[in-house]
Amino acid sequence: MSKLSLAASVLFVSIVSLGGGPRNVAQEQEQVGSADQILPFSSLKFEIVAPSEALISLQPIPVILKLTNNNSRRAFGYKTIGIERSPVFMSVRKTGTDLKVPITMLDPLLKLIKYTNVPLEPQESVESKDLLTLGLARYFPEPGSYEIQASLASSDYSDVIESNIVTITIGEPTGTNRAAYNFIKNSSFQEYLFSGAEFNEVRKTLESVKTLYPTSSYARNASFVLGENYFYGRNYPQALINLARLENDNDFAHAAKVKKYLSEIRAIIPNQTGTEKREPGRP
């Protein structure tokens, strides 16, 4: 297995799920009665939402995935979805070209996890907030407009629901962002720096991004990856310092995870705020 494939596996199985922590993500089978009374997986609606504002090269891409049962009867689906928690496939096409490229760096996940479909009630919907963090230089190699589409497979892969297509804009980094971009680009980790994989290798680079370019668009992602990994490594003081920077950033894709981690940390080490002396404007 290549290093990046291993990184993808480590990422999704170990640390980035919104539920947090290593676990068996196979969904529990409910007592559903006669299967012929429940609509098939293909009757559900699958959607993707992406930010309307421009991003910059090598910046993680936030997406929202949503699965809805718009039917008047129950239908087989998933109670939780997400890139790391359900069989989601992603593809990208640069606007104005004919080549639709599958994001294959996500594939190792699908071979490691067993999924089970369960009924969704009429009008029930589930959604997840995710970040595309792997292969940013490979799949979004230059500034421009890109079209992203997701598809969701049933547990036995016999049915696949395609989402709508969303368009994102990748801009050229300038100012502090340009300096941070050059630093990341010249590192050995640009393909997975913000994924959480190979943490021992990328930790110093993440610390440098956070410290040298604190006002850049990359800094909050660096703080999150550091904070989450310190949290699971039980280095709670360092986790607190990094995650507290994001506490009031409600637009961050993993804002719910930040609040969850901080709540648990403060229960373990009470009377800690996570503040530290730092320059104004530092996240």
C-alpha atoms as a PDB file:
ATOM      1  CA  MET A   1       0.000   0.000   0.000  1.00  0.00           C
ATOM      2  CA  SER A   2       1.369   3.441  -0.900  1.00  0.00           C
ATOM      3  CA  LYS A   3       2.075   5.994   1.746  1.00  0.00           C
ATOM      4  CA  LEU A   4      -0.840   8.189   0.654  1.00  0.00           C
ATOM      5  CA  SER A   5      -3.243   5.244   0.532  1.00  0.00           C
ATOM      6  CA  LEU A   6      -2.150   4.354   4.035  1.00  0.00           C
ATOM      7  CA  ALA A   7      -2.617   7.966   5.030  1.00  0.00           C
ATOM      8  CA  ALA A   8      -6.164   7.909   3.692  1.00  0.00           C
ATOM      9  CA  SER A   9      -6.944   4.757   5.643  1.00  0.00           C
ATOM     10  CA  VAL A  10      -5.440   6.118   8.842  1.00  0.00           C
ATOM     11  CA  LEU A  11      -7.303   9.380   8.417  1.00  0.00           C
ATOM     12  CA  PHE A  12     -10.757   8.009   7.985  1.00  0.00           C
ATOM     13  CA  VAL A  13     -10.597   5.017  10.278  1.00  0.00           C
ATOM     14  CA  SER A  14      -8.770   6.678  13.151  1.00  0.00           C
ATOM     15  CA  ILE A  15      -9.390  10.358  13.639  1.00  0.00           C
ATOM     16  CA  VAL A  16     -11.538  12.569  11.494  1.00  0.00           C
ATOM     17  CA  SER A  17     -15.010  11.178  11.957  1.00  0.00           C
ATOM     18  CA  LEU A  18     -17.450  13.662  13.456  1.00  0.00           C
ATOM     19  CA  GLY A  19     -18.245  11.123  16.150  1.00  0.00           C
ATOM     20  CA  GLY A  20     -14.549  11.129  17.105  1.00  0.00           C
ATOM     21  CA  GLY A  21     -12.056   8.411  17.901  1.00  0.00           C
ATOM     22  CA  PRO A  22     -11.382   4.922  16.578  1.00  0.00           C
ATOM     23  CA  ARG A  23     -14.486   2.762  16.411  1.00  0.00           C
ATOM     24  CA  ASN A  24     -16.488   0.226  14.435  1.00  0.00           C
ATOM     25  CA  VAL A  25     -18.716   2.338  12.229  1.00  0.00           C
ATOM     26  CA  ALA A  26     -20.918  -0.477  10.949  1.00  0.00           C
ATOM     27  CA  GLN A  27     -24.454   0.716  11.521  1.00  0.00           C
ATOM     28  CA  GLU A  28     -26.715  -1.364  13.760  1.00  0.00           C
ATOM     29  CA  GLN A  29     -29.411  -3.370  11.973  1.00  0.00           C
ATOM     30  CA  GLU A  30     -32.875  -2.551  13.277  1.00  0.00           C
ATOM     31  CA  GLN A  31     -35.863  -4.820  13.473  1.00  0.00           C
ATOM     32  CA  VAL A  32     -37.523  -3.591  10.308  1.00  0.00           C
ATOM     33  CA  GLY A  33     -40.275  -6.120   9.627  1.00  0.00           C
ATOM     34  CA  SER A  34     -41.061  -7.175   6.111  1.00  0.00           C
ATOM     35  CA  ALA A  35     -38.560  -5.712   3.658  1.00  0.00           C
ATOM     36  CA  ASP A  36     -41.183  -5.394   0.913  1.00  0.00           C
ATOM     37  CA  GLN A  37     -42.928  -2.676   2.960  1.00  0.00           C
ATOM     38  CA  ILE A  38     -39.856  -0.460   2.882  1.00  0.00           C
ATOM     39  CA  LEU A  39     -38.820   1.527  -0.170  1.00  0.00           C
ATOM     40  CA  PRO A  40     -35.424   0.833  -1.755  1.00  0.00           C
ATOM     41  CA  PHE A  41     -32.277   2.845  -1.181  1.00  0.00           C
ATOM     42  CA  SER A  42     -32.571   4.358  -4.669  1.00  0.00           C
ATOM     43  CA  SER A  43     -35.730   6.247  -3.642  1.00  0.00           C
ATOM     44  CA  LEU A  44     -33.745   8.603  -1.378  1.00  0.00           C
ATOM     45  CA  LYS A  45     -32.331  12.018  -2.273  1.00  0.00           C
ATOM     46  CA  PHE A  46     -28.623  12.744  -1.818  1.00  0.00           C
ATOM     47  CA  GLU A  47     -27.289  16.321  -1.893  1.00  0.00           C
ATOM     48  CA  ILE A  48     -23.997  18.139  -1.581  1.00  0.00           C
ATOM     49  CA  VAL A  49     -23.497  21.781  -0.579  1.00  0.00           C
ATOM     50  CA  ALA A  50     -20.204  23.649  -0.977  1.00  0.00           C
ATOM     51  CA  PRO A  51     -19.171  27.181   0.037  1.00  0.00           C
ATOM     52  CA  SER A  52     -20.060  30.026  -2.283  1.00  0.00           C
ATOM     53  CA  GLU A  53     -17.037  32.089  -1.288  1.00  0.00           C
ATOM     54  CA  ALA A  54     -13.738  31.574  -3.051  1.00  0.00           C
ATOM     55  CA  LEU A  55     -11.170  29.298  -1.463  1.00  0.00           C
ATOM     56  CA  ILE A  56      -7.434  29.310  -2.117  1.00  0.00           C
ATOM     57  CA  SER A  57      -5.054  26.650  -3.382  1.00  0.00           C
ATOM     58  CA  LEU A  58      -4.270  23.857  -0.868  1.00  0.00           C
ATOM     59  CA  GLN A  59      -6.987  25.064   1.493  1.00  0.00           C
ATOM     60  CA  PRO A  60      -9.229  22.220   2.758  1.00  0.00           C
ATOM     61  CA  ILE A  61     -12.629  22.295   1.070  1.00  0.00           C
ATOM     62  CA  PRO A  62     -15.712  22.228   3.328  1.00  0.00           C
ATOM     63  CA  VAL A  63     -18.734  20.300   2.054  1.00  0.00           C
ATOM     64  CA  ILE A  64     -22.087  19.339   3.552  1.00  0.00           C
ATOM     65  CA  LEU A  65     -23.620  15.992   2.611  1.00  0.00           C
ATOM     66  CA  LYS A  66     -27.341  15.398   3.143  1.00  0.00           C
ATOM     67  CA  LEU A  67     -29.497  12.273   2.705  1.00  0.00           C
ATOM     68  CA  THR A  68     -33.308  12.709   2.766  1.00  0.00           C
ATOM     69  CA  ASN A  69     -36.316  10.443   2.569  1.00  0.00           C
ATOM     70  CA  ASN A  70     -38.915  12.582   0.790  1.00  0.00           C
ATOM     71  CA  ASN A  71     -41.286   9.641   0.458  1.00  0.00           C
ATOM     72  CA  SER A  72     -44.467   8.909   2.399  1.00  0.00           C
ATOM     73  CA  ARG A  73     -43.086   5.524   3.445  1.00  0.00           C
ATOM     74  CA  ARG A  74     -39.927   4.363   5.145  1.00  0.00           C
ATOM     75  CA  ALA A  75     -36.920   3.731   2.912  1.00  0.00           C
ATOM     76  CA  PHE A  76     -33.640   1.938   3.443  1.00  0.00           C
ATOM     77  CA  GLY A  77     -30.778   4.356   4.051  1.00  0.00           C
ATOM     78  CA  TYR A  78     -28.237   5.350   6.703  1.00  0.00           C
ATOM     79  CA  LYS A  79     -28.742   6.964  10.102  1.00  0.00           C
ATOM     80  CA  THR A  80     -25.340   8.630   9.798  1.00  0.00           C
ATOM     81  CA  ILE A  81     -23.460   9.677   6.683  1.00  0.00           C
ATOM     82  CA  GLY A  82     -20.146  11.289   5.884  1.00  0.00           C
ATOM     83  CA  ILE A  83     -17.000  10.722   3.882  1.00  0.00           C
ATOM     84  CA  GLU A  84     -15.576   8.529   6.613  1.00  0.00           C
ATOM     85  CA  ARG A  85     -18.840   6.981   7.854  1.00  0.00           C
ATOM     86  CA  SER A  86     -20.666   5.811   4.718  1.00  0.00           C
ATOM     87  CA  PRO A  87     -19.658   4.625   1.220  1.00  0.00           C
ATOM     88  CA  VAL A  88     -19.298   8.057  -0.379  1.00  0.00           C
ATOM     89  CA  PHE A  89     -17.542   8.515  -3.713  1.00  0.00           C
ATOM     90  CA  MET A  90     -16.384  11.927  -4.945  1.00  0.00           C
ATOM     91  CA  SER A  91     -15.415  13.214  -8.365  1.00  0.00           C
ATOM     92  CA  VAL A  92     -14.167  16.548  -9.661  1.00  0.00           C
ATOM     93  CA  ARG A  93     -14.091  18.228 -13.061  1.00  0.00           C
ATOM     94  CA  LYS A  94     -12.414  21.516 -13.907  1.00  0.00           C
ATOM     95  CA  THR A  95     -15.047  23.762 -15.410  1.00  0.00           C
ATOM     96  CA  GLY A  96     -14.738  23.943 -19.184  1.00  0.00           C
ATOM     97  CA  THR A  97     -13.145  20.520 -19.542  1.00  0.00           C
ATOM     98  CA  ASP A  98     -14.665  17.120 -20.284  1.00  0.00           C
ATOM     99  CA  LEU A  99     -12.534  15.077 -17.893  1.00  0.00           C
ATOM    100  CA  LYS A 100     -14.333  13.940 -14.735  1.00  0.00           C
ATOM    101  CA  VAL A 101     -11.768  12.647 -12.250  1.00  0.00           C
ATOM    102  CA  PRO A 102     -12.661  10.336  -9.349  1.00  0.00           C
ATOM    103  CA  ILE A 103     -11.001  11.239  -6.061  1.00  0.00           C
ATOM    104  CA  THR A 104      -9.452   7.808  -5.630  1.00  0.00           C
ATOM    105  CA  MET A 105      -7.531   8.703  -2.478  1.00  0.00           C
ATOM    106  CA  LEU A 106     -10.774   8.032  -0.592  1.00  0.00           C
ATOM    107  CA  ASP A 107     -11.033   4.433  -1.868  1.00  0.00           C
ATOM    108  CA  PRO A 108      -9.031   2.616   0.859  1.00  0.00           C
ATOM    109  CA  LEU A 109     -11.804   3.493   3.315  1.00  0.00           C
ATOM    110  CA  LEU A 110     -14.409   1.557   1.366  1.00  0.00           C
ATOM    111  CA  LYS A 111     -12.401  -1.661   1.572  1.00  0.00           C
ATOM    112  CA  LEU A 112     -12.019  -1.527   5.338  1.00  0.00           C
ATOM    113  CA  ILE A 113     -15.530  -0.871   6.626  1.00  0.00           C
ATOM    114  CA  LYS A 114     -18.737  -2.893   6.540  1.00  0.00           C
ATOM    115  CA  TYR A 115     -21.925  -0.837   6.213  1.00  0.00           C
ATOM    116  CA  THR A 116     -25.553  -1.748   6.953  1.00  0.00           C
ATOM    117  CA  ASN A 117     -28.664  -0.013   5.658  1.00  0.00           C
ATOM    118  CA  VAL A 118     -31.448   0.825   8.111  1.00  0.00           C
ATOM    119  CA  PRO A 119     -34.841   2.476   7.544  1.00  0.00           C
ATOM    120  CA  LEU A 120     -35.290   6.233   7.412  1.00  0.00           C
ATOM    121  CA  GLU A 121     -38.708   7.526   8.404  1.00  0.00           C
ATOM    122  CA  PRO A 122     -40.756   9.626   5.952  1.00  0.00           C
ATOM    123  CA  GLN A 123     -39.270  13.151   5.675  1.00  0.00           C
ATOM    124  CA  GLU A 124     -36.305  12.143   7.839  1.00  0.00           C
ATOM    125  CA  SER A 125     -32.912  13.508   6.820  1.00  0.00           C
ATOM    126  CA  VAL A 126     -29.343  13.138   8.033  1.00  0.00           C
ATOM    127  CA  GLU A 127     -26.356  15.293   7.165  1.00  0.00           C
ATOM    128  CA  SER A 128     -22.683  15.722   7.870  1.00  0.00           C
ATOM    129  CA  LYS A 129     -20.138  18.500   7.592  1.00  0.00           C
ATOM    130  CA  ASP A 130     -16.877  17.296   6.083  1.00  0.00           C
ATOM    131  CA  LEU A 131     -13.584  18.641   4.826  1.00  0.00           C
ATOM    132  CA  LEU A 132     -11.863  17.459   1.681  1.00  0.00           C
ATOM    133  CA  THR A 133      -8.251  17.347   2.815  1.00  0.00           C
ATOM    134  CA  LEU A 134      -6.551  14.637   0.731  1.00  0.00           C
ATOM    135  CA  GLY A 135      -5.000  15.184  -2.672  1.00  0.00           C
ATOM    136  CA  LEU A 136      -5.736  18.908  -2.884  1.00  0.00           C
ATOM    137  CA  ALA A 137      -2.705  19.539  -5.082  1.00  0.00           C
ATOM    138  CA  ARG A 138      -3.592  16.566  -7.287  1.00  0.00           C
ATOM    139  CA  TYR A 139      -7.302  17.166  -7.827  1.00  0.00           C
ATOM    140  CA  PHE A 140      -7.345  20.975  -7.629  1.00  0.00           C
ATOM    141  CA  PRO A 141      -3.935  21.725  -9.162  1.00  0.00           C
ATOM    142  CA  GLU A 142      -4.434  25.364 -10.132  1.00  0.00           C
ATOM    143  CA  PRO A 143      -6.715  28.335  -9.484  1.00  0.00           C
ATOM    144  CA  GLY A 144     -10.017  28.198 -11.316  1.00  0.00           C
ATOM    145  CA  SER A 145     -13.540  26.836 -11.157  1.00  0.00           C
ATOM    146  CA  TYR A 146     -14.193  23.179 -10.306  1.00  0.00           C
ATOM    147  CA  GLU A 147     -17.341  21.061 -10.280  1.00  0.00           C
ATOM    148  CA  ILE A 148     -17.714  18.488  -7.497  1.00  0.00           C
ATOM    149  CA  GLN A 149     -20.215  15.643  -7.399  1.00  0.00           C
ATOM    150  CA  ALA A 150     -20.744  13.002  -4.727  1.00  0.00           C
ATOM    151  CA  SER A 151     -22.445   9.632  -4.906  1.00  0.00           C
ATOM    152  CA  LEU A 152     -23.609   7.372  -2.093  1.00  0.00           C
ATOM    153  CA  ALA A 153     -23.784   3.589  -2.377  1.00  0.00           C
ATOM    154  CA  SER A 154     -26.064   1.176  -0.579  1.00  0.00           C
ATOM    155  CA  SER A 155     -24.458  -1.203   1.889  1.00  0.00           C
ATOM    156  CA  ASP A 156     -24.070  -3.953  -0.736  1.00  0.00           C
ATOM    157  CA  TYR A 157     -23.123  -1.437  -3.477  1.00  0.00           C
ATOM    158  CA  SER A 158     -26.052  -2.582  -5.649  1.00  0.00           C
ATOM    159  CA  ASP A 159     -27.596   0.924  -5.696  1.00  0.00           C
ATOM    160  CA  VAL A 160     -25.844   4.260  -6.054  1.00  0.00           C
ATOM    161  CA  ILE A 161     -27.459   7.681  -5.630  1.00  0.00           C
ATOM    162  CA  GLU A 162     -25.781  10.610  -7.353  1.00  0.00           C
ATOM    163  CA  SER A 163     -25.876  14.065  -5.834  1.00  0.00           C
ATOM    164  CA  ASN A 164     -26.310  17.400  -7.497  1.00  0.00           C
ATOM    165  CA  ILE A 165     -23.189  19.111  -8.875  1.00  0.00           C
ATOM    166  CA  VAL A 166     -21.705  22.067  -7.000  1.00  0.00           C
ATOM    167  CA  THR A 167     -19.161  24.548  -8.264  1.00  0.00           C
ATOM    168  CA  ILE A 168     -16.325  25.937  -6.158  1.00  0.00           C
ATOM    169  CA  THR A 169     -13.796  28.604  -6.997  1.00  0.00           C
ATOM    170  CA  ILE A 170     -10.127  28.229  -6.123  1.00  0.00           C
ATOM    171  CA  GLY A 171      -8.279  31.534  -6.039  1.00  0.00           C
ATOM    172  CA  GLU A 172      -4.629  32.474  -6.131  1.00  0.00           C
ATOM    173  CA  PRO A 173      -3.256  33.007  -2.602  1.00  0.00           C
ATOM    174  CA  THR A 174      -1.898  36.486  -1.918  1.00  0.00           C
ATOM    175  CA  GLY A 175      -0.115  38.273   0.909  1.00  0.00           C
ATOM    176  CA  THR A 176       0.267  36.141   4.036  1.00  0.00           C
ATOM    177  CA  ASN A 177      -1.651  33.346   2.333  1.00  0.00           C
ATOM    178  CA  ARG A 178       0.932  33.283  -0.459  1.00  0.00           C
ATOM    179  CA  ALA A 179       3.785  32.959   2.024  1.00  0.00           C
ATOM    180  CA  ALA A 180       1.963  30.149   3.850  1.00  0.00           C
ATOM    181  CA  TYR A 181       1.077  28.458   0.550  1.00  0.00           C
ATOM    182  CA  ASN A 182       4.705  28.474  -0.578  1.00  0.00           C
ATOM    183  CA  PHE A 183       5.753  26.999   2.760  1.00  0.00           C
ATOM    184  CA  ILE A 184       3.200  24.170   2.466  1.00  0.00           C
ATOM    185  CA  LYS A 185       3.921  23.616  -1.230  1.00  0.00           C
ATOM    186  CA  ASN A 186       7.617  23.193  -0.521  1.00  0.00           C
ATOM    187  CA  SER A 187       7.005  20.690   2.258  1.00  0.00           C
ATOM    188  CA  SER A 188       6.782  16.948   1.684  1.00  0.00           C
ATOM    189  CA  PHE A 189       3.220  16.802   2.983  1.00  0.00           C
ATOM    190  CA  GLN A 190       1.108  18.997   0.730  1.00  0.00           C
ATOM    191  CA  GLU A 191      -1.129  16.093  -0.314  1.00  0.00           C
ATOM    192  CA  TYR A 192      -2.268  15.263   3.230  1.00  0.00           C
ATOM    193  CA  LEU A 193      -0.979  17.927   5.632  1.00  0.00           C
ATOM    194  CA  PHE A 194      -4.445  18.791   6.973  1.00  0.00           C
ATOM    195  CA  SER A 195      -5.848  15.254   6.896  1.00  0.00           C
ATOM    196  CA  GLY A 196      -4.597  14.197  10.324  1.00  0.00           C
ATOM    197  CA  ALA A 197      -2.629  11.299   8.841  1.00  0.00           C
ATOM    198  CA  GLU A 198       1.034  10.662   9.640  1.00  0.00           C
ATOM    199  CA  PHE A 199       0.761  13.104  12.534  1.00  0.00           C
ATOM    200  CA  ASN A 200       4.219  12.497  13.954  1.00  0.00           C
ATOM    201  CA  GLU A 201       5.701  13.428  10.585  1.00  0.00           C
ATOM    202  CA  VAL A 202       3.584  16.515   9.884  1.00  0.00           C
ATOM    203  CA  ARG A 203       3.335  17.942  13.411  1.00  0.00           C
ATOM    204  CA  LYS A 204       6.279  20.326  13.083  1.00  0.00           C
ATOM    205  CA  THR A 205       5.014  21.605   9.734  1.00  0.00           C
ATOM    206  CA  LEU A 206       1.551  22.220  11.199  1.00  0.00           C
ATOM    207  CA  GLU A 207       3.082  24.043  14.167  1.00  0.00           C
ATOM    208  CA  SER A 208       5.082  26.205  11.745  1.00  0.00           C
ATOM    209  CA  VAL A 209       1.986  27.083   9.686  1.00  0.00           C
ATOM    210  CA  LYS A 210       0.138  28.070  12.858  1.00  0.00           C
ATOM    211  CA  THR A 211       3.037  30.051  14.314  1.00  0.00           C
ATOM    212  CA  LEU A 212       4.623  31.683  11.258  1.00  0.00           C
ATOM    213  CA  TYR A 213       1.377  32.482   9.414  1.00  0.00           C
ATOM    214  CA  PRO A 214      -1.229  32.894  12.181  1.00  0.00           C
ATOM    215  CA  THR A 215      -3.546  35.131  10.140  1.00  0.00           C
ATOM    216  CA  SER A 216      -3.502  32.943   7.036  1.00  0.00           C
ATOM    217  CA  SER A 217      -6.478  30.899   5.857  1.00  0.00           C
ATOM    218  CA  TYR A 218      -4.507  27.739   6.626  1.00  0.00           C
ATOM    219  CA  ALA A 219      -3.900  28.464  10.316  1.00  0.00           C
ATOM    220  CA  ARG A 220      -7.248  27.326  11.704  1.00  0.00           C
ATOM    221  CA  ASN A 221      -6.979  23.977   9.916  1.00  0.00           C
ATOM    222  CA  ALA A 222      -3.508  23.557  11.353  1.00  0.00           C
ATOM    223  CA  SER A 223      -4.808  24.379  14.834  1.00  0.00           C
ATOM    224  CA  PHE A 224      -7.639  21.874  14.491  1.00  0.00           C
ATOM    225  CA  VAL A 225      -5.459  18.987  13.322  1.00  0.00           C
ATOM    226  CA  LEU A 226      -2.991  19.690  16.107  1.00  0.00           C
ATOM    227  CA  GLY A 227      -5.727  20.011  18.721  1.00  0.00           C
ATOM    228  CA  GLU A 228      -7.550  16.851  17.674  1.00  0.00           C
ATOM    229  CA  ASN A 229      -4.417  14.740  17.623  1.00  0.00           C
ATOM    230  CA  TYR A 230      -3.238  16.092  20.971  1.00  0.00           C
ATOM    231  CA  PHE A 231      -6.718  15.314  22.334  1.00  0.00           C
ATOM    232  CA  TYR A 232      -6.588  11.677  21.292  1.00  0.00           C
ATOM    233  CA  GLY A 233      -2.982  11.508  22.464  1.00  0.00           C
ATOM    234  CA  ARG A 234      -4.221  12.728  25.894  1.00  0.00           C
ATOM    235  CA  ASN A 235      -1.982  15.774  25.764  1.00  0.00           C
ATOM    236  CA  TYR A 236      -4.888  17.850  27.031  1.00  0.00           C
ATOM    237  CA  PRO A 237      -3.027  21.124  27.758  1.00  0.00           C
ATOM    238  CA  GLN A 238      -1.769  21.347  24.160  1.00  0.00           C
ATOM    239  CA  ALA A 239      -5.132  20.209  22.798  1.00  0.00           C
ATOM    240  CA  LEU A 240      -6.817  22.952  24.791  1.00  0.00           C
ATOM    241  CA  ILE A 241      -4.463  25.668  23.536  1.00  0.00           C
ATOM    242  CA  ASN A 242      -5.026  24.737  19.892  1.00  0.00           C
ATOM    243  CA  LEU A 243      -8.760  24.070  20.013  1.00  0.00           C
ATOM    244  CA  ALA A 244      -9.555  27.144  22.099  1.00  0.00           C
ATOM    245  CA  ARG A 245      -8.433  29.256  19.130  1.00  0.00           C
ATOM    246  CA  LEU A 246     -11.418  27.880  17.209  1.00  0.00           C
ATOM    247  CA  GLU A 247     -14.007  27.976  19.985  1.00  0.00           C
ATOM    248  CA  ASN A 248     -15.948  30.923  18.570  1.00  0.00           C
ATOM    249  CA  ASP A 249     -15.420  30.055  14.917  1.00  0.00           C
ATOM    250  CA  ASN A 250     -18.925  28.734  14.259  1.00  0.00           C
ATOM    251  CA  ASP A 251     -18.385  28.717  10.491  1.00  0.00           C
ATOM    252  CA  PHE A 252     -15.598  26.166  10.753  1.00  0.00           C
ATOM    253  CA  ALA A 253     -16.624  22.799   9.291  1.00  0.00           C
ATOM    254  CA  HIS A 254     -15.710  20.951  12.477  1.00  0.00           C
ATOM    255  CA  ALA A 255     -17.085  23.541  14.916  1.00  0.00           C
ATOM    256  CA  ALA A 256     -19.253  20.901  16.622  1.00  0.00           C
ATOM    257  CA  LYS A 257     -16.233  18.677  17.176  1.00  0.00           C
ATOM    258  CA  VAL A 258     -14.245  21.597  18.599  1.00  0.00           C
ATOM    259  CA  LYS A 259     -16.962  22.285  21.182  1.00  0.00           C
ATOM    260  CA  LYS A 260     -17.216  18.595  22.069  1.00  0.00           C
ATOM    261  CA  TYR A 261     -13.472  18.233  22.578  1.00  0.00           C
ATOM    262  CA  LEU A 262     -13.238  21.414  24.649  1.00  0.00           C
ATOM    263  CA  SER A 263     -16.111  20.322  26.868  1.00  0.00           C
ATOM    264  CA  GLU A 264     -14.417  16.991  27.564  1.00  0.00           C
ATOM    265  CA  ILE A 265     -11.016  18.595  28.151  1.00  0.00           C
ATOM    266  CA  ARG A 266     -12.402  21.137  30.620  1.00  0.00           C
ATOM    267  CA  ALA A 267     -14.147  18.344  32.507  1.00  0.00           C
ATOM    268  CA  ILE A 268     -10.763  16.629  32.868  1.00  0.00           C
ATOM    269  CA  ILE A 269      -8.710  19.745  33.674  1.00  0.00           C
ATOM    270  CA  PRO A 270     -11.196  22.268  35.104  1.00  0.00           C
ATOM    271  CA  ASN A 271     -10.598  26.016  35.414  1.00  0.00           C
ATOM    272  CA  GLN A 272      -8.646  26.087  32.162  1.00  0.00           C
ATOM    273  CA  THR A 273      -9.554  28.539  29.396  1.00  0.00           C
ATOM    274  CA  GLY A 274      -6.976  27.550  26.807  1.00  0.00           C
ATOM    275  CA  THR A 275      -5.787  31.123  26.372  1.00  0.00           C
ATOM    276  CA  GLU A 276      -2.138  31.905  25.962  1.00  0.00           C
ATOM    277  CA  LYS A 277      -0.121  35.010  25.353  1.00  0.00           C
ATOM    278  CA  ARG A 278      -0.002  35.605  21.606  1.00  0.00           C
ATOM    279  CA  GLU A 279       0.100  38.375  19.052  1.00  0.00           C
ATOM    280  CA  PRO A 280      -3.141  40.221  18.218  1.00  0.00           C
ATOM    281  CA  GLY A 281      -4.938  38.621  15.279  1.00  0.00           C
ATOM    282  CA  ARG A 282      -3.478  35.199  15.890  1.00  0.00           C
ATOM    283  CA  PRO A 283      -6.275  32.569  15.673  1.00  0.00           C
END
